[in-house]
N, C-alpha and C. Protein backbone atom coordinates (compact mmCIF):
# COMPACT_ATOMS: atom_id res chain seq x y z
N MET A 1 57.06 18.16 67.89
CA MET A 1 57.86 18.88 66.95
C MET A 1 58.18 20.24 67.53
N TYR A 2 59.38 20.67 67.33
CA TYR A 2 59.83 21.94 67.86
C TYR A 2 59.39 23.08 66.93
N PRO A 3 58.92 24.21 67.48
CA PRO A 3 58.47 25.31 66.62
C PRO A 3 59.60 25.99 65.86
N ASN A 4 60.79 25.99 66.45
CA ASN A 4 61.94 26.54 65.74
C ASN A 4 63.21 25.84 66.23
N LEU A 5 64.31 26.12 65.56
CA LEU A 5 65.56 25.41 65.87
C LEU A 5 66.11 25.75 67.24
N TYR A 6 65.74 26.88 67.81
CA TYR A 6 66.22 27.27 69.13
C TYR A 6 65.84 26.22 70.17
N PHE A 7 64.58 25.81 70.20
CA PHE A 7 64.11 24.84 71.19
C PHE A 7 64.68 23.45 70.95
N ALA A 8 64.87 23.10 69.67
CA ALA A 8 65.46 21.80 69.35
C ALA A 8 66.90 21.72 69.85
N PHE A 9 67.70 22.74 69.58
CA PHE A 9 69.09 22.73 70.04
C PHE A 9 69.18 22.85 71.56
N LYS A 10 68.25 23.59 72.17
CA LYS A 10 68.25 23.74 73.63
C LYS A 10 67.95 22.41 74.32
N ASP A 11 66.96 21.67 73.82
CA ASP A 11 66.61 20.38 74.43
C ASP A 11 67.62 19.29 74.11
N LEU A 12 68.09 19.24 72.88
CA LEU A 12 68.97 18.15 72.46
C LEU A 12 70.43 18.35 72.88
N LEU A 13 70.92 19.57 72.78
CA LEU A 13 72.33 19.83 73.04
C LEU A 13 72.57 20.67 74.30
N GLY A 14 71.54 21.28 74.85
CA GLY A 14 71.69 22.10 76.04
C GLY A 14 72.30 23.47 75.76
N THR A 15 72.29 23.91 74.50
CA THR A 15 72.86 25.21 74.16
C THR A 15 71.79 26.27 74.18
N ASP A 16 72.20 27.52 74.30
CA ASP A 16 71.26 28.63 74.36
C ASP A 16 71.67 29.68 73.33
N TRP A 17 71.42 29.38 72.05
CA TRP A 17 71.77 30.28 70.96
C TRP A 17 70.52 31.05 70.54
N LYS A 18 70.49 32.32 70.87
CA LYS A 18 69.30 33.16 70.62
C LYS A 18 69.06 33.37 69.12
N GLY A 19 70.10 33.30 68.30
CA GLY A 19 69.95 33.53 66.87
C GLY A 19 69.11 32.48 66.15
N LEU A 20 68.97 31.31 66.76
CA LEU A 20 68.20 30.24 66.13
C LEU A 20 66.69 30.41 66.30
N ARG A 21 66.26 31.40 67.07
CA ARG A 21 64.82 31.62 67.26
C ARG A 21 64.13 32.04 65.97
N PHE A 22 64.88 32.57 65.02
CA PHE A 22 64.29 33.10 63.80
C PHE A 22 64.19 32.07 62.68
N ILE A 23 64.73 30.88 62.87
CA ILE A 23 64.67 29.84 61.84
C ILE A 23 63.60 28.83 62.24
N ASN A 24 62.46 28.92 61.58
CA ASN A 24 61.37 27.98 61.86
C ASN A 24 61.73 26.62 61.30
N SER A 25 61.59 25.60 62.10
CA SER A 25 62.11 24.29 61.72
C SER A 25 61.30 23.61 60.62
N PHE A 26 59.98 23.67 60.65
CA PHE A 26 59.20 22.95 59.66
C PHE A 26 59.44 23.51 58.26
N GLY A 27 59.27 24.80 58.08
CA GLY A 27 59.48 25.40 56.77
C GLY A 27 60.93 25.29 56.31
N PHE A 28 61.85 25.40 57.25
CA PHE A 28 63.27 25.29 56.91
C PHE A 28 63.59 23.90 56.37
N PHE A 29 63.13 22.87 57.06
CA PHE A 29 63.43 21.51 56.63
C PHE A 29 62.65 21.10 55.38
N VAL A 30 61.48 21.63 55.18
CA VAL A 30 60.74 21.36 53.93
C VAL A 30 61.49 21.98 52.76
N ALA A 31 61.99 23.19 52.93
CA ALA A 31 62.76 23.84 51.87
C ALA A 31 64.05 23.07 51.59
N ILE A 32 64.74 22.63 52.63
CA ILE A 32 65.97 21.85 52.44
C ILE A 32 65.66 20.54 51.72
N ALA A 33 64.54 19.89 52.08
CA ALA A 33 64.16 18.64 51.43
C ALA A 33 63.89 18.84 49.94
N PHE A 34 63.23 19.94 49.57
CA PHE A 34 62.99 20.22 48.16
C PHE A 34 64.29 20.45 47.41
N LEU A 35 65.21 21.20 47.99
CA LEU A 35 66.48 21.47 47.32
C LEU A 35 67.29 20.19 47.13
N ILE A 36 67.36 19.37 48.16
CA ILE A 36 68.12 18.12 48.07
C ILE A 36 67.49 17.16 47.07
N SER A 37 66.16 17.05 47.08
CA SER A 37 65.51 16.14 46.14
C SER A 37 65.64 16.63 44.70
N ALA A 38 65.63 17.94 44.47
CA ALA A 38 65.83 18.47 43.12
C ALA A 38 67.24 18.15 42.63
N TYR A 39 68.22 18.24 43.50
CA TYR A 39 69.60 17.91 43.12
C TYR A 39 69.72 16.43 42.73
N PHE A 40 69.16 15.54 43.55
CA PHE A 40 69.26 14.11 43.25
C PHE A 40 68.43 13.71 42.03
N LEU A 41 67.29 14.36 41.82
CA LEU A 41 66.50 14.06 40.62
C LEU A 41 67.26 14.47 39.37
N ALA A 42 67.87 15.65 39.38
CA ALA A 42 68.63 16.10 38.22
C ALA A 42 69.82 15.19 37.95
N SER A 43 70.53 14.80 38.99
CA SER A 43 71.69 13.92 38.79
C SER A 43 71.27 12.54 38.30
N GLU A 44 70.14 12.04 38.77
CA GLU A 44 69.65 10.73 38.33
C GLU A 44 69.20 10.78 36.86
N LEU A 45 68.53 11.85 36.47
CA LEU A 45 68.11 11.97 35.08
C LEU A 45 69.31 12.11 34.14
N LYS A 46 70.33 12.83 34.55
CA LYS A 46 71.55 12.94 33.74
C LYS A 46 72.24 11.59 33.61
N ARG A 47 72.26 10.81 34.69
CA ARG A 47 72.88 9.48 34.66
C ARG A 47 72.13 8.56 33.71
N LYS A 48 70.80 8.58 33.77
CA LYS A 48 70.01 7.72 32.89
C LYS A 48 70.16 8.14 31.43
N GLU A 49 70.31 9.44 31.18
CA GLU A 49 70.52 9.88 29.80
C GLU A 49 71.89 9.45 29.29
N ARG A 50 72.90 9.50 30.14
CA ARG A 50 74.24 9.03 29.75
C ARG A 50 74.25 7.54 29.45
N ASN A 51 73.47 6.76 30.21
CA ASN A 51 73.42 5.31 30.01
C ASN A 51 72.52 4.90 28.84
N GLY A 52 71.83 5.85 28.24
CA GLY A 52 70.98 5.54 27.10
C GLY A 52 69.58 5.10 27.46
N LEU A 53 69.18 5.24 28.71
CA LEU A 53 67.84 4.84 29.11
C LEU A 53 66.80 5.90 28.79
N LEU A 54 67.22 7.14 28.62
CA LEU A 54 66.33 8.24 28.24
C LEU A 54 66.88 8.90 26.99
N GLN A 55 65.98 9.23 26.07
CA GLN A 55 66.38 9.95 24.87
C GLN A 55 65.63 11.28 24.84
N SER A 56 66.31 12.30 24.40
CA SER A 56 65.67 13.61 24.30
C SER A 56 64.94 13.70 22.97
N THR A 57 63.84 14.42 22.95
CA THR A 57 63.08 14.66 21.73
C THR A 57 62.81 16.15 21.62
N GLU A 58 62.75 16.64 20.40
CA GLU A 58 62.43 18.04 20.16
C GLU A 58 60.97 18.14 19.75
N GLU A 59 60.30 19.16 20.29
CA GLU A 59 58.89 19.34 20.02
C GLU A 59 58.65 20.81 19.70
N LYS A 60 57.88 21.06 18.65
CA LYS A 60 57.58 22.42 18.25
C LYS A 60 56.29 22.86 18.93
N ILE A 61 56.36 23.99 19.64
CA ILE A 61 55.21 24.52 20.37
C ILE A 61 54.86 25.89 19.81
N THR A 62 53.58 26.08 19.50
CA THR A 62 53.12 27.36 19.00
C THR A 62 52.57 28.18 20.17
N VAL A 63 53.13 29.36 20.37
CA VAL A 63 52.73 30.21 21.48
C VAL A 63 51.82 31.31 20.95
N GLY A 64 50.73 31.56 21.64
CA GLY A 64 49.84 32.66 21.27
C GLY A 64 48.68 32.25 20.40
N GLN A 65 48.55 30.98 20.06
CA GLN A 65 47.43 30.51 19.24
C GLN A 65 46.20 30.38 20.15
N PRO A 66 45.03 30.81 19.68
CA PRO A 66 43.83 30.70 20.53
C PRO A 66 43.43 29.23 20.71
N ALA A 67 42.73 28.97 21.80
CA ALA A 67 42.29 27.62 22.12
C ALA A 67 41.22 27.17 21.13
N SER A 68 41.31 25.91 20.75
CA SER A 68 40.32 25.37 19.82
C SER A 68 39.04 25.00 20.58
N PHE A 69 37.97 24.73 19.82
CA PHE A 69 36.71 24.36 20.44
C PHE A 69 36.84 23.07 21.24
N GLY A 70 37.63 22.13 20.72
CA GLY A 70 37.84 20.86 21.44
C GLY A 70 38.55 21.07 22.77
N ASP A 71 39.53 21.97 22.80
CA ASP A 71 40.23 22.27 24.05
C ASP A 71 39.28 22.90 25.07
N ILE A 72 38.45 23.82 24.62
CA ILE A 72 37.50 24.47 25.52
C ILE A 72 36.49 23.47 26.04
N LEU A 73 36.00 22.58 25.18
CA LEU A 73 35.04 21.57 25.59
C LEU A 73 35.65 20.58 26.58
N LEU A 74 36.88 20.16 26.33
CA LEU A 74 37.56 19.26 27.25
C LEU A 74 37.76 19.91 28.62
N ASN A 75 38.20 21.17 28.64
CA ASN A 75 38.37 21.88 29.90
C ASN A 75 37.05 22.09 30.63
N PHE A 76 35.96 22.28 29.88
CA PHE A 76 34.65 22.41 30.50
C PHE A 76 34.25 21.13 31.23
N PHE A 77 34.42 19.98 30.56
CA PHE A 77 34.05 18.72 31.18
C PHE A 77 34.95 18.37 32.36
N LEU A 78 36.25 18.62 32.23
CA LEU A 78 37.16 18.33 33.33
C LEU A 78 36.95 19.28 34.51
N GLY A 79 36.57 20.52 34.24
CA GLY A 79 36.42 21.49 35.31
C GLY A 79 35.09 21.44 36.02
N PHE A 80 34.02 21.02 35.34
CA PHE A 80 32.70 21.09 35.94
C PHE A 80 32.05 19.75 36.21
N TYR A 81 32.67 18.66 35.80
CA TYR A 81 32.08 17.34 36.09
C TYR A 81 33.00 16.49 36.89
């Protein structure tokens, strides 16, 4: 694997572009993969909602309420066992 795009373009195409030394290939392509997958996931979910395969539901959420004893007990068991 090439450390940055400069070496990849130099070996594959024989070009010597100094500006590509600053674009690290692994992080760059991981970021591009996340952006592309987010786009396709959103478009697929919209398509399924248009076709009637997914229905939206409304849910009421209370913000700022303290945790109940059951929530604390569940988190204790999940966190420490």
